[in-house]
């Protein structure tokens, strides 16, 4: 069976029922939503180690709770500018 990354996200949202809330952080950050998925890895935090292991085991979709990129202003860091 071939399924795209977008179809998987759509299915997760549908199965979540009315509890799903659209937010600006729940999005594809890399890759093509139309790509065929060969395997899925889930993680709390997508560290470089997790990404390497996922790709090494043939998975090409990674669903994480945390963002893999720093997205908050440096002013929130003590001593940040």
Protein backbone atom coordinates (compact mmCIF):
# COMPACT_ATOMS: atom_id res chain seq x y z
CA UNK A 1 0.00 0.00 0.00
CA UNK A 2 1.32 3.44 -0.93
CA UNK A 3 0.36 6.39 1.24
CA UNK A 4 1.60 9.97 1.25
CA UNK A 5 2.83 11.95 4.24
CA UNK A 6 -0.14 14.32 3.90
CA UNK A 7 -2.60 11.40 3.87
CA UNK A 8 -1.07 10.11 7.12
CA UNK A 9 -1.39 13.53 8.77
CA UNK A 10 -4.98 13.81 7.53
CA UNK A 11 -5.75 10.39 9.01
CA UNK A 12 -4.20 11.32 12.37
CA UNK A 13 -6.27 14.51 12.47
CA UNK A 14 -9.44 12.64 11.53
CA UNK A 15 -8.90 9.94 14.17
CA UNK A 16 -8.20 12.63 16.79
CA UNK A 17 -11.81 13.73 16.44
CA UNK A 18 -13.01 17.13 17.49
CA UNK A 19 -10.03 17.51 19.83
CA UNK A 20 -7.72 18.48 16.97
CA UNK A 21 -6.72 22.14 16.91
CA UNK A 22 -4.93 23.71 13.98
CA UNK A 23 -1.84 25.56 15.13
CA UNK A 24 1.02 27.22 13.25
CA UNK A 25 3.50 24.75 14.75
CA UNK A 26 1.75 21.62 13.52
CA UNK A 27 3.08 21.58 10.00
CA UNK A 28 5.60 20.03 7.64
CA UNK A 29 8.98 21.61 8.35
CA UNK A 30 10.94 19.74 5.72
CA UNK A 31 10.23 17.46 2.81
CA UNK A 32 7.26 17.13 0.52
CA UNK A 33 3.80 16.31 1.96
CA UNK A 34 3.09 14.44 -1.29
CA UNK A 35 6.01 12.02 -0.81
CA UNK A 36 5.28 8.31 -0.44
CA UNK A 37 5.98 7.17 3.11
CA UNK A 38 8.18 4.12 3.57
CA UNK A 39 8.22 4.19 7.37
CA UNK A 40 7.39 6.45 10.29
CA UNK A 41 9.43 7.32 13.37
CA UNK A 42 7.87 9.11 16.34
CA UNK A 43 9.85 10.97 18.94
CA UNK A 44 9.57 13.56 21.67
CA UNK A 45 12.59 15.52 20.48
CA UNK A 46 14.05 15.06 16.99
CA UNK A 47 17.73 15.14 17.89
CA UNK A 48 20.33 14.54 15.22
CA UNK A 49 20.84 11.04 16.63
CA UNK A 50 17.13 10.26 16.29
CA UNK A 51 17.09 11.58 12.72
CA UNK A 52 20.12 9.46 11.76
CA UNK A 53 18.58 6.33 13.28
CA UNK A 54 15.25 6.93 11.54
CA UNK A 55 16.82 7.43 8.13
CA UNK A 56 19.23 4.53 8.71
CA UNK A 57 16.30 2.20 9.36
CA UNK A 58 14.50 3.27 6.17
CA UNK A 59 11.98 5.66 7.68
CA UNK A 60 11.28 8.83 5.76
CA UNK A 61 8.61 10.45 7.96
CA UNK A 62 9.37 11.68 11.45
CA UNK A 63 6.61 12.91 13.74
CA UNK A 64 7.81 14.75 16.82
CA UNK A 65 6.31 16.68 19.69
CA UNK A 66 9.08 19.25 19.79
CA UNK A 67 10.29 21.42 16.92
CA UNK A 68 13.71 20.45 15.53
CA UNK A 69 14.61 24.12 15.05
CA UNK A 70 15.04 26.91 17.59
CA UNK A 71 12.04 29.15 16.99
CA UNK A 72 12.00 31.47 19.97
CA UNK A 73 13.67 34.88 20.01
CA UNK A 74 17.15 35.03 21.53
CA UNK A 75 15.82 37.66 23.96
CA UNK A 76 14.15 34.82 25.90
CA UNK A 77 17.58 33.36 26.74
CA UNK A 78 19.30 34.91 29.76
CA UNK A 79 22.03 37.09 28.26
CA UNK A 80 20.57 36.67 24.76
CA UNK A 81 20.26 39.56 22.36
